[in-house]
Amino acid sequence: MTATQAIKLRTALFVFMLATWNISYAHHSTAIYDSEKPIELQGKVIEWKFTNPHCVIVLEVAGADGSIQRWLLEGGNTSGIFRQGWTPMTLKPGDRIVLTVRPLRSGAFGGNFSNPRWENGTPIDPRAKS
């Protein structure tokens, strides 16, 4: 490969990277969540999905009218929460937890969770010694 060809290749790669960099971040938009009106949800874990790109908790919550609601709640990315000590075994079906949730703007039973706590209010910290 000549020097001119190498420069053209590097230039083409640079232009490609510039043109596509925002595509790789597109799934991180939080516009679907209502960040202005966070809610607290307390319920029973139905499923804990330790998957990429984000972990998910399926939570059964009792509605104000006594109905049972099934919430699909997205959390942090797997590698990030793994570094905090979370694993596929951190939560199990039947665990009773409390979460702060930025609900979906659509009104559907879903959102983005943070501040996970056990039902007694103790933070869920997988690194804590029992």
Protein backbone atom coordinates (compact mmCIF):
# COMPACT_ATOMS: atom_id res chain seq x y z
CA MET A 1 0.00 0.00 0.00
CA THR A 2 1.40 3.37 -0.96
CA ALA A 3 1.50 6.33 1.37
CA THR A 4 -1.25 8.05 -0.64
CA GLN A 5 -3.48 4.99 -0.38
CA ALA A 6 -2.85 4.78 3.37
CA ILE A 7 -3.81 8.44 3.82
CA LYS A 8 -6.97 7.93 1.77
CA LEU A 9 -7.89 4.86 3.83
CA ARG A 10 -7.33 6.68 7.14
CA THR A 11 -9.33 9.66 5.89
CA ALA A 12 -12.18 7.41 4.79
CA LEU A 13 -12.19 5.64 8.17
CA PHE A 14 -12.16 8.97 10.01
CA VAL A 15 -15.07 10.31 7.94
CA PHE A 16 -16.99 7.06 8.52
CA MET A 17 -16.42 7.31 12.29
CA LEU A 18 -17.57 10.92 12.34
CA ALA A 19 -20.66 10.12 10.30
CA THR A 20 -21.71 7.16 12.48
CA TRP A 21 -20.59 7.99 16.03
CA ASN A 22 -24.04 9.14 17.17
CA ILE A 23 -25.70 5.98 15.85
CA SER A 24 -23.83 3.91 18.41
CA TYR A 25 -25.26 6.03 21.23
CA ALA A 26 -28.83 6.16 19.92
CA HIS A 27 -30.23 3.53 22.26
CA HIS A 28 -29.22 5.60 25.30
CA SER A 29 -31.92 8.22 24.83
CA THR A 30 -34.03 8.67 27.95
CA ALA A 31 -36.77 10.68 26.23
CA ILE A 32 -39.28 7.86 26.75
CA TYR A 33 -39.02 8.24 30.55
CA ASP A 34 -40.63 10.96 32.63
CA SER A 35 -37.64 12.15 34.67
CA GLU A 36 -39.69 14.99 36.19
CA LYS A 37 -42.10 12.62 37.98
CA PRO A 38 -40.20 9.70 39.51
CA ILE A 39 -42.24 7.22 41.52
CA GLU A 40 -41.47 4.61 44.16
CA LEU A 41 -42.52 1.05 43.38
CA GLN A 42 -42.65 -1.77 45.86
CA GLY A 43 -43.30 -5.28 44.72
CA LYS A 44 -42.27 -8.84 44.11
CA VAL A 45 -39.57 -9.79 41.62
CA ILE A 46 -41.02 -12.05 38.93
CA GLU A 47 -37.90 -12.15 36.80
CA TRP A 48 -34.37 -10.69 36.89
CA LYS A 49 -32.78 -10.50 33.44
CA PHE A 50 -29.03 -9.93 33.60
CA THR A 51 -28.73 -9.22 29.88
CA ASN A 52 -27.14 -6.77 27.46
CA PRO A 53 -27.47 -3.97 26.76
CA HIS A 54 -29.41 -3.33 30.00
CA CYS A 55 -30.57 -5.43 32.91
CA VAL A 56 -34.32 -5.77 33.41
CA ILE A 57 -36.53 -6.46 36.42
CA VAL A 58 -40.05 -7.74 35.90
CA LEU A 59 -41.85 -6.57 39.04
CA GLU A 60 -45.33 -7.45 40.25
CA VAL A 61 -46.89 -4.43 41.96
CA ALA A 62 -50.25 -4.03 43.68
CA GLY A 63 -52.16 -1.12 42.12
CA ALA A 64 -54.11 1.43 44.18
CA ASP A 65 -57.33 -0.36 43.17
CA GLY A 66 -55.97 -3.73 44.31
CA SER A 67 -55.21 -4.94 40.79
CA ILE A 68 -51.91 -6.64 40.07
CA GLN A 69 -49.65 -4.76 37.67
CA ARG A 70 -46.62 -6.27 35.97
CA TRP A 71 -43.91 -3.63 35.44
CA LEU A 72 -40.99 -4.04 33.03
CA LEU A 73 -38.13 -1.97 34.45
CA GLU A 74 -34.84 -1.29 32.71
CA GLY A 75 -31.69 -0.77 34.73
CA GLY A 76 -28.06 -0.07 34.07
CA ASN A 77 -25.83 -1.80 31.58
CA THR A 78 -24.67 -5.26 32.52
CA SER A 79 -20.96 -4.49 32.67
CA GLY A 80 -21.56 -1.40 34.82
CA ILE A 81 -23.67 -3.13 37.43
CA PHE A 82 -21.40 -6.19 37.35
CA ARG A 83 -18.58 -3.90 38.50
CA GLN A 84 -20.86 -2.91 41.41
CA GLY A 85 -21.12 -6.58 42.39
CA TRP A 86 -24.42 -7.50 40.72
CA THR A 87 -24.70 -10.93 39.09
CA PRO A 88 -27.44 -13.08 37.57
CA MET A 89 -27.98 -14.37 41.13
CA THR A 90 -28.44 -10.99 42.87
CA LEU A 91 -32.23 -11.10 42.60
CA LYS A 92 -34.49 -14.11 42.44
CA PRO A 93 -38.21 -14.61 41.87
CA GLY A 94 -40.14 -13.83 45.03
CA ASP A 95 -37.69 -11.21 46.36
CA ARG A 96 -39.57 -8.17 47.71
CA ILE A 97 -37.91 -4.91 46.69
CA VAL A 98 -38.44 -1.14 46.42
CA LEU A 99 -37.20 0.93 43.48
CA THR A 100 -37.20 4.54 42.35
CA VAL A 101 -38.62 4.55 38.83
CA ARG A 102 -38.74 7.06 36.01
CA PRO A 103 -41.98 5.84 34.45
CA LEU A 104 -42.69 5.57 30.74
CA ARG A 105 -44.31 8.71 29.35
CA SER A 106 -46.81 6.49 27.53
CA GLY A 107 -48.40 5.41 30.82
CA ALA A 108 -47.57 1.74 30.24
CA PHE A 109 -46.27 -0.24 33.22
CA GLY A 110 -42.58 0.28 32.59
CA GLY A 111 -39.67 2.56 33.23
CA ASN A 112 -36.07 2.97 34.24
CA PHE A 113 -35.13 1.95 37.78
CA SER A 114 -32.57 3.24 40.24
CA ASN A 115 -31.94 3.13 43.98
CA PRO A 116 -32.82 -0.56 44.45
CA ARG A 117 -33.60 -1.52 48.05
CA TRP A 118 -34.86 -4.55 49.88
CA GLU A 119 -38.39 -4.29 51.23
CA ASN A 120 -37.02 -3.18 54.63
CA GLY A 121 -35.26 -0.21 52.98
CA THR A 122 -31.73 -1.65 53.07
CA PRO A 123 -29.87 -0.87 49.83
CA ILE A 124 -29.30 -3.87 47.60
CA ASP A 125 -25.51 -4.11 47.75
CA PRO A 126 -24.24 -7.48 46.57
CA ARG A 127 -20.75 -6.65 47.89
CA ALA A 128 -21.98 -6.19 51.48
CA LYS A 129 -20.97 -8.95 53.85
CA SER A 130 -23.85 -10.77 55.51
